[in-house]
Amino acid sequence: MFSDVADFGSPSRNDEDRRIIREALFSMTYAILKSLPDVWSWDDRGDGQLTVIPSVPTVNIVKLLHAELPIALDEHNHAYHAAAQIRLRVAIHVGPVATDSLGVSSEAIIKTSRMVEAPRLKKAMRSSKACLGIIASPYIYDTVIKHNRELTGYSKIQVRVKETDMSAWVKLFGLELQSPDI
């Protein structure tokens, strides 16, 4: 799972706003995933996080994200001024991950990081004012999302970022949704 805060470097934000956002993102991620076995890890990516969750059924993770992350973002955004509010993109994918003395690396992580940067996801979030956009790999969509009635509302998009050209599935969350053009 790769998360990225939209417009983290905006000139309307100062260092204190960014500190609030980073701490809130870590707290939200921990609170949402704390019910999973203590085998997951996260890596700070400045304006987001890489979270690796081995040996947990993917459907459990996706359901947690759907049920709890929009609520956590809404609570945070109602408690803070505009510059400290969070609009979050989250990419989810499954695949082998290699570890070494510096952390983790793999093709799965690269694809996940490219999905979170998908221009069509960014555009859809900007035009809808959504507080959360989840983008799922074809594998996650085909094996988990399309088989679960609780996980509806995804639209297929093409992801073209750097050397990556792949399809993915997007769902936007938030009170201010307008029917965005994904």
Protein backbone atom coordinates (compact mmCIF):
# COMPACT_ATOMS: atom_id res chain seq x y z
CA MET A 1 0.00 0.00 0.00
CA PHE A 2 1.40 3.36 -1.01
CA SER A 3 -0.17 6.60 0.22
CA ASP A 4 0.52 10.11 -0.99
CA VAL A 5 -0.86 13.42 0.29
CA ALA A 6 -2.19 15.57 -2.56
CA ASP A 7 -0.59 19.03 -2.80
CA PHE A 8 1.71 18.40 0.18
CA GLY A 9 4.19 20.99 -1.11
CA SER A 10 1.55 23.66 -1.77
CA PRO A 11 2.72 27.22 -0.98
CA SER A 12 -0.44 27.59 1.13
CA ARG A 13 1.09 25.14 3.63
CA ASN A 14 3.86 25.85 6.09
CA ASP A 15 6.17 23.44 7.92
CA GLU A 16 3.79 23.18 10.90
CA ASP A 17 0.92 22.20 8.56
CA ARG A 18 3.13 19.54 6.99
CA ARG A 19 4.13 18.22 10.45
CA ILE A 20 0.46 17.95 11.42
CA ILE A 21 -0.31 16.10 8.17
CA ARG A 22 2.61 13.67 8.50
CA GLU A 23 1.77 12.84 12.12
CA ALA A 24 -1.92 12.43 11.29
CA LEU A 25 -1.16 10.15 8.33
CA PHE A 26 1.01 7.90 10.50
CA SER A 27 -1.61 7.86 13.28
CA MET A 28 -4.44 7.06 10.87
CA THR A 29 -2.48 4.28 9.19
CA TYR A 30 -1.55 2.76 12.53
CA ALA A 31 -5.09 3.01 13.93
CA ILE A 32 -6.62 1.42 10.83
CA LEU A 33 -4.13 -1.45 10.60
CA LYS A 34 -3.59 -2.15 14.31
CA SER A 35 -6.13 -4.99 14.26
CA LEU A 36 -3.98 -6.90 11.76
CA PRO A 37 -1.22 -9.20 13.00
CA ASP A 38 1.89 -7.31 14.08
CA VAL A 39 3.77 -8.25 10.93
CA TRP A 40 3.32 -5.12 8.85
CA SER A 41 5.83 -2.35 8.40
CA TRP A 42 5.82 1.15 7.01
CA ASP A 43 8.39 3.38 5.42
CA ASP A 44 8.13 7.17 5.58
CA ARG A 45 8.09 8.71 2.10
CA GLY A 46 7.90 12.38 3.13
CA ASP A 47 4.41 13.18 1.89
CA GLY A 48 3.19 9.62 2.17
CA GLN A 49 3.95 6.12 3.32
CA LEU A 50 4.80 2.73 1.90
CA THR A 51 3.12 0.03 3.99
CA VAL A 52 3.99 -3.65 3.51
CA ILE A 53 1.51 -6.15 4.96
CA PRO A 54 2.56 -9.78 4.49
CA SER A 55 0.45 -12.83 5.29
CA VAL A 56 -2.90 -11.06 5.69
CA PRO A 57 -5.83 -11.72 3.34
CA THR A 58 -6.03 -8.81 0.91
CA VAL A 59 -9.81 -8.55 1.31
CA ASN A 60 -9.33 -7.72 5.01
CA ILE A 61 -7.03 -4.83 4.17
CA VAL A 62 -9.25 -3.43 1.42
CA LYS A 63 -12.33 -3.61 3.67
CA LEU A 64 -10.46 -1.78 6.45
CA LEU A 65 -9.41 0.96 4.04
CA HIS A 66 -12.98 1.37 2.76
CA ALA A 67 -14.60 1.34 6.18
CA GLU A 68 -12.15 3.35 8.26
CA LEU A 69 -9.93 5.61 6.15
CA PRO A 70 -12.68 7.94 4.83
CA ILE A 71 -13.97 8.41 8.39
CA ALA A 72 -10.48 9.11 9.77
CA LEU A 73 -9.81 11.65 7.01
CA ASP A 74 -13.17 13.33 7.56
CA GLU A 75 -12.55 13.61 11.32
CA HIS A 76 -9.07 15.06 10.74
CA ASN A 77 -10.27 17.50 8.09
CA HIS A 78 -13.08 18.80 10.32
CA ALA A 79 -10.61 19.36 13.18
CA TYR A 80 -7.97 21.34 11.25
CA HIS A 81 -7.73 24.51 9.20
CA ALA A 82 -7.62 24.22 5.40
CA ALA A 83 -3.82 24.14 5.02
CA ALA A 84 -3.53 21.17 7.43
CA GLN A 85 -6.33 19.14 5.84
CA ILE A 86 -5.53 15.93 3.99
CA ARG A 87 -6.58 14.75 0.55
CA LEU A 88 -5.05 11.32 0.15
CA ARG A 89 -4.28 8.99 -2.73
CA VAL A 90 -3.77 5.33 -1.83
CA ALA A 91 -2.51 2.64 -4.21
CA ILE A 92 -2.93 -1.04 -3.37
CA HIS A 93 -1.19 -3.96 -5.03
CA VAL A 94 0.02 -7.46 -4.20
CA GLY A 95 3.36 -9.00 -5.02
CA PRO A 96 6.65 -10.31 -3.69
CA VAL A 97 8.82 -7.87 -1.76
CA ALA A 98 12.56 -8.24 -1.20
CA THR A 99 14.19 -6.95 1.97
CA ASP A 100 17.75 -5.85 2.49
CA SER A 101 19.73 -3.75 4.96
CA LEU A 102 18.15 -0.55 3.56
CA GLY A 103 14.52 -1.64 3.60
CA VAL A 104 12.28 -3.13 0.94
CA SER A 105 12.29 -3.17 -2.85
CA SER A 106 10.48 -4.95 -5.67
CA GLU A 107 8.67 -4.57 -8.95
CA ALA A 108 5.40 -4.68 -6.97
CA ILE A 109 6.49 -1.61 -4.98
CA ILE A 110 7.50 0.22 -8.16
CA LYS A 111 4.10 -0.46 -9.78
CA THR A 112 2.30 0.64 -6.62
CA SER A 113 4.28 3.88 -6.50
CA ARG A 114 3.44 4.55 -10.16
CA MET A 115 -0.29 3.93 -9.60
CA VAL A 116 -0.46 6.49 -6.78
CA GLU A 117 0.98 9.06 -9.23
CA ALA A 118 -1.51 8.31 -12.03
CA PRO A 119 -2.42 11.59 -13.77
CA ARG A 120 -6.06 10.52 -14.23
CA LEU A 121 -6.38 9.81 -10.51
CA LYS A 122 -4.88 13.19 -9.65
CA LYS A 123 -7.19 14.97 -12.11
CA ALA A 124 -10.29 13.15 -10.83
CA MET A 125 -9.45 14.06 -7.23
CA ARG A 126 -8.85 17.72 -8.12
CA SER A 127 -12.10 18.04 -10.06
CA SER A 128 -14.20 16.22 -7.44
CA LYS A 129 -12.64 17.63 -4.25
CA ALA A 130 -12.59 14.02 -2.98
CA CYS A 131 -10.71 13.52 0.29
CA LEU A 132 -9.62 9.99 -0.69
CA GLY A 133 -8.85 8.17 -3.90
CA ILE A 134 -8.03 4.48 -3.82
CA ILE A 135 -6.40 2.99 -6.89
CA ALA A 136 -6.15 -0.79 -7.11
CA SER A 137 -4.08 -2.97 -9.39
CA PRO A 138 -5.88 -5.28 -11.84
CA TYR A 139 -4.98 -8.25 -9.62
CA ILE A 140 -6.60 -6.67 -6.53
CA TYR A 141 -9.66 -5.68 -8.54
CA ASP A 142 -10.07 -9.07 -10.25
CA THR A 143 -9.50 -11.21 -7.16
CA VAL A 144 -10.99 -9.10 -4.35
CA ILE A 145 -12.98 -6.00 -5.29
CA LYS A 146 -15.26 -7.29 -8.04
CA HIS A 147 -16.27 -10.28 -5.88
CA ASN A 148 -17.37 -8.23 -2.87
CA ARG A 149 -20.61 -6.22 -2.81
CA GLU A 150 -19.19 -3.92 -0.10
CA LEU A 151 -16.45 -2.73 -2.47
CA THR A 152 -18.40 -1.23 -5.37
CA GLY A 153 -17.93 1.99 -7.30
CA TYR A 154 -14.60 1.49 -9.05
CA SER A 155 -13.83 2.81 -12.53
CA LYS A 156 -11.11 1.48 -14.82
CA ILE A 157 -8.35 3.89 -15.87
CA GLN A 158 -5.04 3.70 -17.70
CA VAL A 159 -1.90 4.52 -15.70
CA ARG A 160 0.91 6.04 -17.75
CA VAL A 161 3.73 7.19 -15.48
CA LYS A 162 7.42 7.00 -16.37
CA GLU A 163 8.09 3.51 -17.79
CA THR A 164 4.75 2.14 -16.54
CA ASP A 165 1.72 1.69 -18.79
CA MET A 166 -0.98 -0.41 -17.11
CA SER A 167 -4.65 -0.40 -16.26
CA ALA A 168 -5.93 0.11 -12.72
CA TRP A 169 -9.21 0.65 -10.88
CA VAL A 170 -10.14 3.86 -9.02
CA LYS A 171 -12.73 4.80 -6.41
CA LEU A 172 -13.13 8.28 -4.92
CA PHE A 173 -14.46 8.98 -1.43
CA GLY A 174 -15.66 12.24 0.12
CA LEU A 175 -18.68 14.40 0.73
CA GLU A 176 -18.02 16.86 -2.08
CA LEU A 177 -18.07 14.35 -4.94
CA GLN A 178 -19.44 15.56 -8.24
CA SER A 179 -19.38 12.77 -10.93
CA PRO A 180 -15.74 13.28 -11.91
CA ASP A 181 -14.45 12.42 -15.33
CA ILE A 182 -12.07 9.56 -14.60
